[in-house]
PDB file of N, CA and C in Angstrom:
ATOM      1  N   MET A   1      18.137 -15.791   4.388  1.00  0.00           N
ATOM      2  CA  MET A   1      17.126 -14.813   4.761  1.00  0.00           C
ATOM      3  C   MET A   1      17.343 -14.422   6.228  1.00  0.00           C
ATOM      4  N   ASN A   2      17.164 -13.172   6.513  1.00  0.00           N
ATOM      5  CA  ASN A   2      17.462 -12.614   7.827  1.00  0.00           C
ATOM      6  C   ASN A   2      16.171 -12.440   8.643  1.00  0.00           C
ATOM      7  N   PHE A   3      16.198 -12.877   9.912  1.00  0.00           N
ATOM      8  CA  PHE A   3      15.052 -12.744  10.823  1.00  0.00           C
ATOM      9  C   PHE A   3      15.540 -12.204  12.169  1.00  0.00           C
ATOM     10  N   PRO A   4      15.844 -10.898  12.251  1.00  0.00           N
ATOM     11  CA  PRO A   4      16.345 -10.355  13.519  1.00  0.00           C
ATOM     12  C   PRO A   4      15.359 -10.588  14.665  1.00  0.00           C
ATOM     13  N   GLU A   5      15.913 -10.863  15.840  1.00  0.00           N
ATOM     14  CA  GLU A   5      15.111 -11.112  17.037  1.00  0.00           C
ATOM     15  C   GLU A   5      14.663  -9.812  17.715  1.00  0.00           C
ATOM     16  N   ASN A   6      15.304  -8.682  17.366  1.00  0.00           N
ATOM     17  CA  ASN A   6      15.018  -7.415  18.056  1.00  0.00           C
ATOM     18  C   ASN A   6      13.888  -6.618  17.420  1.00  0.00           C
ATOM     19  N   VAL A   7      13.137  -7.235  16.515  1.00  0.00           N
ATOM     20  CA  VAL A   7      12.001  -6.566  15.890  1.00  0.00           C
ATOM     21  C   VAL A   7      10.762  -7.448  16.023  1.00  0.00           C
ATOM     22  N   LYS A   8       9.593  -6.838  15.849  1.00  0.00           N
ATOM     23  CA  LYS A   8       8.322  -7.560  15.798  1.00  0.00           C
ATOM     24  C   LYS A   8       7.845  -7.524  14.346  1.00  0.00           C
ATOM     25  N   TYR A   9       7.075  -8.519  13.956  1.00  0.00           N
ATOM     26  CA  TYR A   9       6.660  -8.687  12.565  1.00  0.00           C
ATOM     27  C   TYR A   9       5.135  -8.645  12.434  1.00  0.00           C
ATOM     28  N   SER A  10       4.656  -8.024  11.349  1.00  0.00           N
ATOM     29  CA  SER A  10       3.218  -7.995  11.089  1.00  0.00           C
ATOM     30  C   SER A  10       2.874  -9.009  10.001  1.00  0.00           C
ATOM     31  N   SER A  11       1.608  -9.363   9.915  1.00  0.00           N
ATOM     32  CA  SER A  11       1.161 -10.294   8.874  1.00  0.00           C
ATOM     33  C   SER A  11       1.200  -9.647   7.492  1.00  0.00           C
ATOM     34  N   ASP A  12       1.395  -8.322   7.442  1.00  0.00           N
ATOM     35  CA  ASP A  12       1.537  -7.605   6.169  1.00  0.00           C
ATOM     36  C   ASP A  12       2.995  -7.507   5.744  1.00  0.00           C
ATOM     37  N   HIS A  13       3.901  -8.162   6.486  1.00  0.00           N
ATOM     38  CA  HIS A  13       5.336  -8.249   6.181  1.00  0.00           C
ATOM     39  C   HIS A  13       6.092  -6.947   6.451  1.00  0.00           C
ATOM     40  N   GLU A  14       5.586  -6.167   7.407  1.00  0.00           N
ATOM     41  CA  GLU A  14       6.355  -5.042   7.920  1.00  0.00           C
ATOM     42  C   GLU A  14       6.996  -5.475   9.230  1.00  0.00           C
ATOM     43  N   TRP A  15       8.087  -4.811   9.594  1.00  0.00           N
ATOM     44  CA  TRP A  15       8.715  -5.021  10.893  1.00  0.00           C
ATOM     45  C   TRP A  15       8.703  -3.702  11.654  1.00  0.00           C
ATOM     46  N   VAL A  16       8.799  -3.804  12.969  1.00  0.00           N
ATOM     47  CA  VAL A  16       8.847  -2.616  13.832  1.00  0.00           C
ATOM     48  C   VAL A  16       9.907  -2.859  14.909  1.00  0.00           C
ATOM     49  N   ARG A  17      10.828  -1.913  15.028  1.00  0.00           N
ATOM     50  CA  ARG A  17      11.874  -1.968  16.057  1.00  0.00           C
ATOM     51  C   ARG A  17      11.633  -0.814  17.020  1.00  0.00           C
ATOM     52  N   VAL A  18      11.274  -1.140  18.250  1.00  0.00           N
ATOM     53  CA  VAL A  18      10.895  -0.149  19.250  1.00  0.00           C
ATOM     54  C   VAL A  18      12.136   0.397  19.950  1.00  0.00           C
ATOM     55  N   GLU A  19      12.176   1.728  20.077  1.00  0.00           N
ATOM     56  CA  GLU A  19      13.225   2.417  20.824  1.00  0.00           C
ATOM     57  C   GLU A  19      12.540   3.458  21.697  1.00  0.00           C
ATOM     58  N   GLY A  20      12.235   3.082  22.937  1.00  0.00           N
ATOM     59  CA  GLY A  20      11.500   3.966  23.842  1.00  0.00           C
ATOM     60  C   GLY A  20      10.055   4.081  23.401  1.00  0.00           C
ATOM     61  N   ASN A  21       9.578   5.329  23.185  1.00  0.00           N
ATOM     62  CA  ASN A  21       8.206   5.556  22.718  1.00  0.00           C
ATOM     63  C   ASN A  21       8.135   5.695  21.204  1.00  0.00           C
ATOM     64  N   GLU A  22       9.259   5.497  20.552  1.00  0.00           N
ATOM     65  CA  GLU A  22       9.315   5.596  19.100  1.00  0.00           C
ATOM     66  C   GLU A  22       9.694   4.246  18.512  1.00  0.00           C
ATOM     67  N   ALA A  23       9.516   4.134  17.204  1.00  0.00           N
ATOM     68  CA  ALA A  23       9.859   2.883  16.543  1.00  0.00           C
ATOM     69  C   ALA A  23      10.219   3.145  15.092  1.00  0.00           C
ATOM     70  N   TYR A  24      11.070   2.292  14.575  1.00  0.00           N
ATOM     71  CA  TYR A  24      11.405   2.297  13.152  1.00  0.00           C
ATOM     72  C   TYR A  24      10.591   1.204  12.487  1.00  0.00           C
ATOM     73  N   VAL A  25      10.155   1.462  11.243  1.00  0.00           N
ATOM     74  CA  VAL A  25       9.314   0.528  10.503  1.00  0.00           C
ATOM     75  C   VAL A  25       9.913   0.331   9.120  1.00  0.00           C
ATOM     76  N   GLY A  26       9.883  -0.903   8.669  1.00  0.00           N
ATOM     77  CA  GLY A  26      10.331  -1.230   7.316  1.00  0.00           C
ATOM     78  C   GLY A  26       9.642  -2.490   6.852  1.00  0.00           C
ATOM     79  N   ILE A  27      10.103  -3.018   5.709  1.00  0.00           N
ATOM     80  CA  ILE A  27       9.552  -4.286   5.234  1.00  0.00           C
ATOM     81  C   ILE A  27      10.572  -5.388   5.512  1.00  0.00           C
ATOM     82  N   THR A  28      10.088  -6.606   5.636  1.00  0.00           N
ATOM     83  CA  THR A  28      10.948  -7.726   5.998  1.00  0.00           C
ATOM     84  C   THR A  28      11.834  -8.158   4.835  1.00  0.00           C
ATOM     85  N   ASP A  29      12.853  -8.928   5.175  1.00  0.00           N
ATOM     86  CA  ASP A  29      13.747  -9.499   4.175  1.00  0.00           C
ATOM     87  C   ASP A  29      12.940 -10.372   3.210  1.00  0.00           C
ATOM     88  N   PHE A  30      11.989 -11.140   3.757  1.00  0.00           N
ATOM     89  CA  PHE A  30      11.119 -11.977   2.923  1.00  0.00           C
ATOM     90  C   PHE A  30      10.348 -11.109   1.925  1.00  0.00           C
ATOM     91  N   ALA A  31       9.764 -10.003   2.403  1.00  0.00           N
ATOM     92  CA  ALA A  31       8.951  -9.135   1.542  1.00  0.00           C
ATOM     93  C   ALA A  31       9.783  -8.519   0.423  1.00  0.00           C
ATOM     94  N   GLN A  32      10.983  -8.001   0.762  1.00  0.00           N
ATOM     95  CA  GLN A  32      11.797  -7.383  -0.283  1.00  0.00           C
ATOM     96  C   GLN A  32      12.214  -8.422  -1.317  1.00  0.00           C
ATOM     97  N   GLY A  33      12.441  -9.662  -0.860  1.00  0.00           N
ATOM     98  CA  GLY A  33      12.800 -10.733  -1.789  1.00  0.00           C
ATOM     99  C   GLY A  33      11.657 -11.087  -2.729  1.00  0.00           C
ATOM    100  N   GLU A  34      10.435 -11.075  -2.197  1.00  0.00           N
ATOM    101  CA  GLU A  34       9.253 -11.358  -3.018  1.00  0.00           C
ATOM    102  C   GLU A  34       8.997 -10.240  -4.027  1.00  0.00           C
ATOM    103  N   LEU A  35       9.232  -8.985  -3.613  1.00  0.00           N
ATOM    104  CA  LEU A  35       8.993  -7.845  -4.497  1.00  0.00           C
ATOM    105  C   LEU A  35      10.032  -7.762  -5.611  1.00  0.00           C
ATOM    106  N   GLY A  36      11.259  -8.100  -5.292  1.00  0.00           N
ATOM    107  CA  GLY A  36      12.340  -7.954  -6.271  1.00  0.00           C
ATOM    108  C   GLY A  36      12.983  -6.581  -6.138  1.00  0.00           C
ATOM    109  N   GLU A  37      13.598  -6.125  -7.201  1.00  0.00           N
ATOM    110  CA  GLU A  37      14.360  -4.867  -7.176  1.00  0.00           C
ATOM    111  C   GLU A  37      13.449  -3.669  -6.878  1.00  0.00           C
ATOM    112  N   ILE A  38      13.692  -3.010  -5.732  1.00  0.00           N
ATOM    113  CA  ILE A  38      12.918  -1.833  -5.328  1.00  0.00           C
ATOM    114  C   ILE A  38      13.426  -0.616  -6.105  1.00  0.00           C
ATOM    115  N   VAL A  39      12.501   0.093  -6.753  1.00  0.00           N
ATOM    116  CA  VAL A  39      12.898   1.257  -7.546  1.00  0.00           C
ATOM    117  C   VAL A  39      12.371   2.577  -6.979  1.00  0.00           C
ATOM    118  N   TYR A  40      11.385   2.507  -6.069  1.00  0.00           N
ATOM    119  CA  TYR A  40      10.818   3.756  -5.541  1.00  0.00           C
ATOM    120  C   TYR A  40      10.045   3.472  -4.260  1.00  0.00           C
ATOM    121  N   VAL A  41      10.222   4.349  -3.272  1.00  0.00           N
ATOM    122  CA  VAL A  41       9.455   4.283  -2.030  1.00  0.00           C
ATOM    123  C   VAL A  41       8.716   5.601  -1.902  1.00  0.00           C
ATOM    124  N   ASP A  42       7.396   5.546  -1.772  1.00  0.00           N
ATOM    125  CA  ASP A  42       6.562   6.749  -1.735  1.00  0.00           C
ATOM    126  C   ASP A  42       5.807   6.816  -0.404  1.00  0.00           C
ATOM    127  N   VAL A  43       6.216   7.778   0.432  1.00  0.00           N
ATOM    128  CA  VAL A  43       5.541   7.986   1.716  1.00  0.00           C
ATOM    129  C   VAL A  43       5.173   9.470   1.797  1.00  0.00           C
ATOM    130  N   THR A  44       3.878   9.741   1.847  1.00  0.00           N
ATOM    131  CA  THR A  44       3.405  11.136   1.899  1.00  0.00           C
ATOM    132  C   THR A  44       2.665  11.412   3.203  1.00  0.00           C
ATOM    133  N   THR A  45       2.845  10.537   4.202  1.00  0.00           N
ATOM    134  CA  THR A  45       2.079  10.644   5.442  1.00  0.00           C
ATOM    135  C   THR A  45       2.889  11.236   6.594  1.00  0.00           C
ATOM    136  N   GLU A  46       4.064  11.796   6.328  1.00  0.00           N
ATOM    137  CA  GLU A  46       4.858  12.385   7.404  1.00  0.00           C
ATOM    138  C   GLU A  46       4.029  13.447   8.121  1.00  0.00           C
ATOM    139  N   GLY A  47       4.015  13.382   9.454  1.00  0.00           N
ATOM    140  CA  GLY A  47       3.239  14.317  10.255  1.00  0.00           C
ATOM    141  C   GLY A  47       1.823  13.863  10.549  1.00  0.00           C
ATOM    142  N   GLU A  48       1.385  12.793   9.909  1.00  0.00           N
ATOM    143  CA  GLU A  48       0.031  12.278  10.123  1.00  0.00           C
ATOM    144  C   GLU A  48       0.024  11.190  11.196  1.00  0.00           C
ATOM    145  N   THR A  49      -1.100  11.062  11.880  1.00  0.00           N
ATOM    146  CA  THR A  49      -1.298   9.979  12.834  1.00  0.00           C
ATOM    147  C   THR A  49      -2.204   8.950  12.183  1.00  0.00           C
ATOM    148  N   LEU A  50      -1.735   7.715  12.121  1.00  0.00           N
ATOM    149  CA  LEU A  50      -2.454   6.642  11.448  1.00  0.00           C
ATOM    150  C   LEU A  50      -2.689   5.491  12.408  1.00  0.00           C
ATOM    151  N   GLY A  51      -3.747   4.742  12.159  1.00  0.00           N
ATOM    152  CA  GLY A  51      -4.067   3.585  12.983  1.00  0.00           C
ATOM    153  C   GLY A  51      -3.363   2.333  12.493  1.00  0.00           C
ATOM    154  N   GLN A  52      -3.308   1.338  13.359  1.00  0.00           N
ATOM    155  CA  GLN A  52      -2.733   0.051  12.996  1.00  0.00           C
ATOM    156  C   GLN A  52      -3.451  -0.494  11.772  1.00  0.00           C
ATOM    157  N   GLY A  53      -2.698  -0.955  10.780  1.00  0.00           N
ATOM    158  CA  GLY A  53      -3.276  -1.520   9.567  1.00  0.00           C
ATOM    159  C   GLY A  53      -3.579  -0.517   8.479  1.00  0.00           C
ATOM    160  N   GLU A  54      -3.436   0.782   8.764  1.00  0.00           N
ATOM    161  CA  GLU A  54      -3.681   1.788   7.735  1.00  0.00           C
ATOM    162  C   GLU A  54      -2.472   1.910   6.807  1.00  0.00           C
ATOM    163  N   VAL A  55      -2.721   2.338   5.583  1.00  0.00           N
ATOM    164  CA  VAL A  55      -1.664   2.512   4.582  1.00  0.00           C
ATOM    165  C   VAL A  55      -0.879   3.787   4.891  1.00  0.00           C
ATOM    166  N   PHE A  56       0.458   3.652   4.970  1.00  0.00           N
ATOM    167  CA  PHE A  56       1.286   4.839   5.194  1.00  0.00           C
ATOM    168  C   PHE A  56       2.087   5.231   3.961  1.00  0.00           C
ATOM    169  N   GLY A  57       2.057   4.417   2.932  1.00  0.00           N
ATOM    170  CA  GLY A  57       2.788   4.724   1.705  1.00  0.00           C
ATOM    171  C   GLY A  57       2.739   3.534   0.772  1.00  0.00           C
ATOM    172  N   SER A  58       3.611   3.577  -0.238  1.00  0.00           N
ATOM    173  CA  SER A  58       3.695   2.459  -1.172  1.00  0.00           C
ATOM    174  C   SER A  58       5.149   2.230  -1.544  1.00  0.00           C
ATOM    175  N   ILE A  59       5.408   1.034  -2.019  1.00  0.00           N
ATOM    176  CA  ILE A  59       6.755   0.663  -2.433  1.00  0.00           C
ATOM    177  C   ILE A  59       6.643   0.065  -3.828  1.00  0.00           C
ATOM    178  N   GLU A  60       7.509   0.536  -4.716  1.00  0.00           N
ATOM    179  CA  GLU A  60       7.436   0.114  -6.109  1.00  0.00           C
ATOM    180  C   GLU A  60       8.671  -0.707  -6.465  1.00  0.00           C
ATOM    181  N   ALA A  61       8.406  -1.873  -7.018  1.00  0.00           N
ATOM    182  CA  ALA A  61       9.467  -2.730  -7.527  1.00  0.00           C
ATOM    183  C   ALA A  61       9.346  -2.742  -9.055  1.00  0.00           C
ATOM    184  N   VAL A  62      10.283  -3.376  -9.710  1.00  0.00           N
ATOM    185  CA  VAL A  62      10.268  -3.438 -11.166  1.00  0.00           C
ATOM    186  C   VAL A  62       8.950  -4.028 -11.667  1.00  0.00           C
ATOM    187  N   LYS A  63       8.428  -5.041 -10.933  1.00  0.00           N
ATOM    188  CA  LYS A  63       7.253  -5.771 -11.401  1.00  0.00           C
ATOM    189  C   LYS A  63       5.925  -5.312 -10.816  1.00  0.00           C
ATOM    190  N   THR A  64       5.935  -4.607  -9.669  1.00  0.00           N
ATOM    191  CA  THR A  64       4.673  -4.360  -8.966  1.00  0.00           C
ATOM    192  C   THR A  64       4.778  -3.163  -8.021  1.00  0.00           C
ATOM    193  N   VAL A  65       3.624  -2.700  -7.552  1.00  0.00           N
ATOM    194  CA  VAL A  65       3.554  -1.672  -6.505  1.00  0.00           C
ATOM    195  C   VAL A  65       2.734  -2.256  -5.358  1.00  0.00           C
ATOM    196  N   SER A  66       3.227  -2.097  -4.133  1.00  0.00           N
ATOM    197  CA  SER A  66       2.521  -2.619  -2.961  1.00  0.00           C
ATOM    198  C   SER A  66       2.311  -1.521  -1.931  1.00  0.00           C
ATOM    199  N   ASP A  67       1.170  -1.593  -1.234  1.00  0.00           N
ATOM    200  CA  ASP A  67       0.916  -0.677  -0.130  1.00  0.00           C
ATOM    201  C   ASP A  67       1.801  -1.035   1.052  1.00  0.00           C
ATOM    202  N   LEU A  68       2.144  -0.025   1.828  1.00  0.00           N
ATOM    203  CA  LEU A  68       2.867  -0.195   3.083  1.00  0.00           C
ATOM    204  C   LEU A  68       1.876   0.058   4.207  1.00  0.00           C
ATOM    205  N   MET A  69       1.799  -0.876   5.158  1.00  0.00           N
ATOM    206  CA  MET A  69       0.795  -0.816   6.223  1.00  0.00           C
ATOM    207  C   MET A  69       1.453  -0.552   7.572  1.00  0.00           C
ATOM    208  N   MET A  70       0.775   0.232   8.402  1.00  0.00           N
ATOM    209  CA  MET A  70       1.265   0.509   9.753  1.00  0.00           C
ATOM    210  C   MET A  70       1.167  -0.757  10.608  1.00  0.00           C
ATOM    211  N   PRO A  71       2.288  -1.254  11.159  1.00  0.00           N
ATOM    212  CA  PRO A  71       2.206  -2.430  12.028  1.00  0.00           C
ATOM    213  C   PRO A  71       1.593  -2.097  13.391  1.00  0.00           C
ATOM    214  N   VAL A  72       1.730  -0.849  13.818  1.00  0.00           N
ATOM    215  CA  VAL A  72       1.087  -0.315  15.027  1.00  0.00           C
ATOM    216  C   VAL A  72       0.680   1.125  14.722  1.00  0.00           C
ATOM    217  N   GLY A  73      -0.319   1.602  15.432  1.00  0.00           N
ATOM    218  CA  GLY A  73      -0.761   2.970  15.226  1.00  0.00           C
ATOM    219  C   GLY A  73       0.237   3.972  15.772  1.00  0.00           C
ATOM    220  N   GLY A  74       0.290   5.147  15.124  1.00  0.00           N
ATOM    221  CA  GLY A  74       1.181   6.191  15.620  1.00  0.00           C
ATOM    222  C   GLY A  74       1.327   7.330  14.642  1.00  0.00           C
ATOM    223  N   GLU A  75       2.106   8.315  15.052  1.00  0.00           N
ATOM    224  CA  GLU A  75       2.378   9.478  14.204  1.00  0.00           C
ATOM    225  C   GLU A  75       3.656   9.234  13.414  1.00  0.00           C
ATOM    226  N   VAL A  76       3.593   9.482  12.117  1.00  0.00           N
ATOM    227  CA  VAL A  76       4.768   9.343  11.258  1.00  0.00           C
ATOM    228  C   VAL A  76       5.656  10.564  11.493  1.00  0.00           C
ATOM    229  N   LEU A  77       6.783  10.344  12.165  1.00  0.00           N
ATOM    230  CA  LEU A  77       7.679  11.440  12.535  1.00  0.00           C
ATOM    231  C   LEU A  77       8.700  11.756  11.457  1.00  0.00           C
ATOM    232  N   GLU A  78       9.136  10.730  10.748  1.00  0.00           N
ATOM    233  CA  GLU A  78      10.236  10.914   9.801  1.00  0.00           C
ATOM    234  C   GLU A  78      10.162   9.849   8.723  1.00  0.00           C
ATOM    235  N   VAL A  79      10.538  10.234   7.517  1.00  0.00           N
ATOM    236  CA  VAL A  79      10.688   9.304   6.409  1.00  0.00           C
ATOM    237  C   VAL A  79      12.183   9.206   6.116  1.00  0.00           C
ATOM    238  N   ASN A  80      12.675   8.025   5.862  1.00  0.00           N
ATOM    239  CA  ASN A  80      14.088   7.817   5.573  1.00  0.00           C
ATOM    240  C   ASN A  80      14.448   8.479   4.238  1.00  0.00           C
ATOM    241  N   THR A  81      15.084   9.638   4.306  1.00  0.00           N
ATOM    242  CA  THR A  81      15.400  10.403   3.091  1.00  0.00           C
ATOM    243  C   THR A  81      16.456   9.718   2.224  1.00  0.00           C
ATOM    244  N   LYS A  82      17.232   8.801   2.785  1.00  0.00           N
ATOM    245  CA  LYS A  82      18.229   8.068   1.986  1.00  0.00           C
ATOM    246  C   LYS A  82      17.563   7.277   0.867  1.00  0.00           C
ATOM    247  N   LEU A  83      16.288   6.887   1.092  1.00  0.00           N
ATOM    248  CA  LEU A  83      15.590   6.068   0.101  1.00  0.00           C
ATOM    249  C   LEU A  83      15.208   6.854  -1.147  1.00  0.00           C
ATOM    250  N   GLU A  84      15.221   8.203  -1.069  1.00  0.00           N
ATOM    251  CA  GLU A  84      14.911   9.017  -2.250  1.00  0.00           C
ATOM    252  C   GLU A  84      15.916   8.749  -3.362  1.00  0.00           C
ATOM    253  N   ASP A  85      17.185   8.702  -3.013  1.00  0.00           N
ATOM    254  CA  ASP A  85      18.246   8.490  -3.999  1.00  0.00           C
ATOM    255  C   ASP A  85      18.696   7.038  -4.083  1.00  0.00           C
ATOM    256  N   ALA A  86      18.379   6.246  -3.061  1.00  0.00           N
ATOM    257  CA  ALA A  86      18.852   4.861  -3.017  1.00  0.00           C
ATOM    258  C   ALA A  86      17.774   3.915  -2.497  1.00  0.00           C
ATOM    259  N   PRO A  87      16.651   3.755  -3.233  1.00  0.00           N
ATOM    260  CA  PRO A  87      15.589   2.855  -2.760  1.00  0.00           C
ATOM    261  C   PRO A  87      16.055   1.412  -2.636  1.00  0.00           C
ATOM    262  N   GLU A  88      17.147   1.071  -3.325  1.00  0.00           N
ATOM    263  CA  GLU A  88      17.670  -0.294  -3.260  1.00  0.00           C
ATOM    264  C   GLU A  88      18.201  -0.668  -1.877  1.00  0.00           C
ATOM    265  N   LEU A  89      18.343   0.329  -0.966  1.00  0.00           N
ATOM    266  CA  LEU A  89      18.719   0.027   0.416  1.00  0.00           C
ATOM    267  C   LEU A  89      17.700  -0.905   1.076  1.00  0.00           C
ATOM    268  N   VAL A  90      16.443  -0.827   0.636  1.00  0.00           N
ATOM    269  CA  VAL A  90      15.410  -1.719   1.171  1.00  0.00           C
ATOM    270  C   VAL A  90      15.747  -3.171   0.811  1.00  0.00           C
ATOM    271  N   ASN A  91      16.349  -3.374  -0.370  1.00  0.00           N
ATOM    272  CA  ASN A  91      16.769  -4.722  -0.763  1.00  0.00           C
ATOM    273  C   ASN A  91      18.041  -5.158  -0.044  1.00  0.00           C
ATOM    274  N   SER A  92      19.027  -4.281   0.003  1.00  0.00           N
ATOM    275  CA  SER A  92      20.343  -4.677   0.514  1.00  0.00           C
ATOM    276  C   SER A  92      20.422  -4.701   2.034  1.00  0.00           C
ATOM    277  N   ASP A  93      19.622  -3.882   2.721  1.00  0.00           N
ATOM    278  CA  ASP A  93      19.701  -3.789   4.184  1.00  0.00           C
ATOM    279  C   ASP A  93      18.323  -3.461   4.760  1.00  0.00           C
ATOM    280  N   PRO A  94      17.335  -4.378   4.600  1.00  0.00           N
ATOM    281  CA  PRO A  94      15.956  -4.055   4.981  1.00  0.00           C
ATOM    282  C   PRO A  94      15.752  -3.745   6.461  1.00  0.00           C
ATOM    283  N   PHE A  95      16.614  -4.287   7.336  1.00  0.00           N
ATOM    284  CA  PHE A  95      16.444  -4.063   8.773  1.00  0.00           C
ATOM    285  C   PHE A  95      17.372  -2.973   9.310  1.00  0.00           C
ATOM    286  N   GLY A  96      18.190  -2.398   8.448  1.00  0.00           N
ATOM    287  CA  GLY A  96      19.144  -1.373   8.869  1.00  0.00           C
ATOM    288  C   GLY A  96      18.918  -0.070   8.109  1.00  0.00           C
ATOM    289  N   GLU A  97      19.829   0.220   7.174  1.00  0.00           N
ATOM    290  CA  GLU A  97      19.758   1.465   6.400  1.00  0.00           C
ATOM    291  C   GLU A  97      18.491   1.559   5.549  1.00  0.00           C
ATOM    292  N   GLY A  98      17.817   0.434   5.323  1.00  0.00           N
ATOM    293  CA  GLY A  98      16.618   0.420   4.493  1.00  0.00           C
ATOM    294  C   GLY A  98      15.315   0.610   5.254  1.00  0.00           C
ATOM    295  N   TRP A  99      15.391   1.102   6.517  1.00  0.00           N
ATOM    296  CA  TRP A  99      14.155   1.402   7.248  1.00  0.00           C
ATOM    297  C   TRP A  99      13.368   2.447   6.459  1.00  0.00           C
ATOM    298  N   ILE A 100      12.061   2.485   6.642  1.00  0.00           N
ATOM    299  CA  ILE A 100      11.230   3.373   5.817  1.00  0.00           C
ATOM    300  C   ILE A 100      10.714   4.575   6.602  1.00  0.00           C
ATOM    301  N   ILE A 101      10.120   4.352   7.779  1.00  0.00           N
ATOM    302  CA  ILE A 101       9.614   5.480   8.581  1.00  0.00           C
ATOM    303  C   ILE A 101       9.984   5.296  10.049  1.00  0.00           C
ATOM    304  N   ARG A 102       9.981   6.435  10.758  1.00  0.00           N
ATOM    305  CA  ARG A 102      10.116   6.452  12.215  1.00  0.00           C
ATOM    306  C   ARG A 102       8.807   7.009  12.753  1.00  0.00           C
ATOM    307  N   ILE A 103       8.243   6.337  13.761  1.00  0.00           N
ATOM    308  CA  ILE A 103       6.935   6.738  14.283  1.00  0.00           C
ATOM    309  C   ILE A 103       6.978   6.937  15.798  1.00  0.00           C
ATOM    310  N   ALA A 104       6.010   7.711  16.289  1.00  0.00           N
ATOM    311  CA  ALA A 104       5.722   7.790  17.727  1.00  0.00           C
ATOM    312  C   ALA A 104       4.563   6.837  17.958  1.00  0.00           C
ATOM    313  N   ILE A 105       4.778   5.836  18.792  1.00  0.00           N
ATOM    314  CA  ILE A 105       3.762   4.800  19.013  1.00  0.00           C
ATOM    315  C   ILE A 105       2.611   5.352  19.848  1.00  0.00           C
ATOM    316  N   ASN A 106       1.370   5.109  19.392  1.00  0.00           N
ATOM    317  CA  ASN A 106       0.178   5.525  20.139  1.00  0.00           C
ATOM    318  C   ASN A 106      -0.121   4.584  21.287  1.00  0.00           C
ATOM    319  N   SER A 107      -0.093   3.286  21.015  1.00  0.00           N
ATOM    320  CA  SER A 107      -0.476   2.298  22.018  1.00  0.00           C
ATOM    321  C   SER A 107       0.508   1.133  22.008  1.00  0.00           C
ATOM    322  N   ALA A 108       1.360   1.077  23.006  1.00  0.00           N
ATOM    323  CA  ALA A 108       2.344  -0.004  23.089  1.00  0.00           C
ATOM    324  C   ALA A 108       1.659  -1.364  23.170  1.00  0.00           C
ATOM    325  N   GLY A 109       0.409  -1.409  23.618  1.00  0.00           N
ATOM    326  CA  GLY A 109      -0.330  -2.658  23.705  1.00  0.00           C
ATOM    327  C   GLY A 109      -0.505  -3.345  22.358  1.00  0.00           C
ATOM    328  N   GLU A 110      -0.520  -2.563  21.273  1.00  0.00           N
ATOM    329  CA  GLU A 110      -0.669  -3.150  19.941  1.00  0.00           C
ATOM    330  C   GLU A 110       0.526  -4.031  19.570  1.00  0.00           C
ATOM    331  N   LEU A 111       1.670  -3.792  20.193  1.00  0.00           N
ATOM    332  CA  LEU A 111       2.867  -4.579  19.890  1.00  0.00           C
ATOM    333  C   LEU A 111       2.671  -6.055  20.243  1.00  0.00           C
ATOM    334  N   SER A 112       1.844  -6.329  21.251  1.00  0.00           N
ATOM    335  CA  SER A 112       1.644  -7.714  21.680  1.00  0.00           C
ATOM    336  C   SER A 112       0.948  -8.557  20.617  1.00  0.00           C
ATOM    337  N   GLY A 113       0.275  -7.919  19.672  1.00  0.00           N
ATOM    338  CA  GLY A 113      -0.395  -8.643  18.600  1.00  0.00           C
ATOM    339  C   GLY A 113       0.507  -8.967  17.424  1.00  0.00           C
ATOM    340  N   LEU A 114       1.762  -8.514  17.477  1.00  0.00           N
ATOM    341  CA  LEU A 114       2.702  -8.779  16.396  1.00  0.00           C
ATOM    342  C   LEU A 114       3.472 -10.063  16.670  1.00  0.00           C
ATOM    343  N   MET A 115       4.157 -10.559  15.659  1.00  0.00           N
ATOM    344  CA  MET A 115       4.854 -11.840  15.754  1.00  0.00           C
ATOM    345  C   MET A 115       6.325 -11.676  16.139  1.00  0.00           C
ATOM    346  N   SER A 116       6.840 -12.695  16.824  1.00  0.00           N
ATOM    347  CA  SER A 116       8.280 -12.806  17.073  1.00  0.00           C
ATOM    348  C   SER A 116       8.933 -13.322  15.785  1.00  0.00           C
ATOM    349  N   ALA A 117      10.263 -13.358  15.769  1.00  0.00           N
ATOM    350  CA  ALA A 117      10.979 -13.890  14.604  1.00  0.00           C
ATOM    351  C   ALA A 117      10.571 -15.337  14.330  1.00  0.00           C
ATOM    352  N   ALA A 118      10.481 -16.158  15.379  1.00  0.00           N
ATOM    353  CA  ALA A 118      10.105 -17.568  15.210  1.00  0.00           C
ATOM    354  C   ALA A 118       8.684 -17.700  14.668  1.00  0.00           C
ATOM    355  N   GLU A 119       7.776 -16.883  15.193  1.00  0.00           N
ATOM    356  CA  GLU A 119       6.380 -16.934  14.718  1.00  0.00           C
ATOM    357  C   GLU A 119       6.288 -16.467  13.265  1.00  0.00           C
ATOM    358  N   TYR A 120       7.070 -15.461  12.894  1.00  0.00           N
ATOM    359  CA  TYR A 120       7.034 -14.960  11.513  1.00  0.00           C
ATOM    360  C   TYR A 120       7.609 -16.002  10.560  1.00  0.00           C
ATOM    361  N   LYS A 121       8.689 -16.679  10.954  1.00  0.00           N
ATOM    362  CA  LYS A 121       9.262 -17.760  10.111  1.00  0.00           C
ATOM    363  C   LYS A 121       8.200 -18.813   9.835  1.00  0.00           C
ATOM    364  N   GLU A 122       7.464 -19.193  10.883  1.00  0.00           N
ATOM    365  CA  GLU A 122       6.394 -20.183  10.713  1.00  0.00           C
ATOM    366  C   GLU A 122       5.294 -19.640   9.808  1.00  0.00           C
ATOM    367  N   PHE A 123       4.955 -18.360   9.978  1.00  0.00           N
ATOM    368  CA  PHE A 123       3.912 -17.715   9.181  1.00  0.00           C
ATOM    369  C   PHE A 123       4.222 -17.767   7.689  1.00  0.00           C
ATOM    370  N   ILE A 124       5.492 -17.559   7.318  1.00  0.00           N
ATOM    371  CA  ILE A 124       5.857 -17.550   5.891  1.00  0.00           C
ATOM    372  C   ILE A 124       6.330 -18.928   5.420  1.00  0.00           C
ATOM    373  N   GLY A 125       6.341 -19.912   6.323  1.00  0.00           N
ATOM    374  CA  GLY A 125       6.699 -21.265   5.930  1.00  0.00           C
ATOM    375  C   GLY A 125       8.187 -21.510   5.804  1.00  0.00           C
ATOM    376  N   LYS A 126       9.004 -20.827   6.598  1.00  0.00           N
ATOM    377  CA  LYS A 126      10.470 -21.008   6.537  1.00  0.00           C
ATOM    378  C   LYS A 126      10.965 -21.761   7.754  1.00  0.00           C
TER     379      LYS A 126
END
């Protein structure tokens, strides 16, 4: 299981990688493993500004559908269009090509409430 140090983790199993005032958001390696084979990613919030903890979309696996939650508040700038034809990228490369949205961060202070890789490992019991 992969736990990159360059991202922050939420208790909802999303990760956020900050690049300046923007950030990429996806689900963790642990989350994709729990969900199983991803068959569809549905994000209809592009262009919307959402608060921390709000639902920005859903992810569908063979067995279940789960909400996707904003790890920090911000405007959804872009949805990863590669996932339209290849949702399995979330399984094969959750921290790279399998990113889900790119956002403009509203409040960088919210990042301090997220977990480091070590804290997230402890949170999930690994």
